Amino acid sequence: MLTQYKTIAGYGEDYIVIERSRFIGYAQRVTTEEEATAFIAMIKKKHWDATHNCSAFVIGENDQIQRSSDDGEPSGTAGKPILECIKKNGVKDTVVVVTRYFGGIKLGAGGLVRAYTAGTVTALKAAKIVVHTLHQMISVSVDYTWWGKVENELRLGEHRVSGTDFTDKVTAHVLIPEGEQDEFVARMVDLTNGQAQIVLGEKEYVEVPVDAVGDVEEE
């Protein structure tokens, strides 16, 4: 599993106008090629009267599935720029469709590349890029006499607590970033004089907004 990766939060849609041509960018999070092709088909059906519905998608932990389509634009001027923009921003499991309504002014090959890249950026911004960071679920169980210390430590350390169970003991379920598990466990053991019962659970990804890591890149 990757320690972290970028993707989009979900569906996004926005548009730009370049030389009177309207470029509508659509983005969606997908996990299979079937989902990606279905999304592209949906946009094509929605904009059946558009001049072009160009698209690309990247799927898989290692970007193992990559496809693009110029949909009638000159070869390499639409689908490839969309694909390269997705990859430049490092987003996985993402499909983008850029719909064009021709405005009467030809853009030339270079102009088309820039326009479809800009349309992709518009779509990714609308969908909001997020970072998925791998965390380990750790359950810490203590007697009520120790709970005050543990709770204070969790709060001051700004740890991500997914839930707390109050039974004969108190059990806090805490998500710890990958690589920081040993340090956290050692701190809990030390804090409770070895009285804490600690169980390692499943690993899962925690979603963080892209604002923490940068903006969408175009060039």
Foldseek 3Di string as FASTA:
>chain_A
DDQKFKAFPAWFWDWDADPQKIKIKIKGFAADPVVQVVVLVVVCVVPVVFPAWWKWAFHDPVSPDIDTDPRPDPPPQARVLLRVLCVVQRHHRMMMIITIHDRPDDLPSVRSSLRNLVNNQNNRVRRFMKMWGKWWKKKKKAAPVLVVQVVVCCVVVVWAWPDWDDDNIIITITTGRPPCVVVVVVVSCVSRVNRIDMDIDDMGIDIGTCVVPDGRDRD
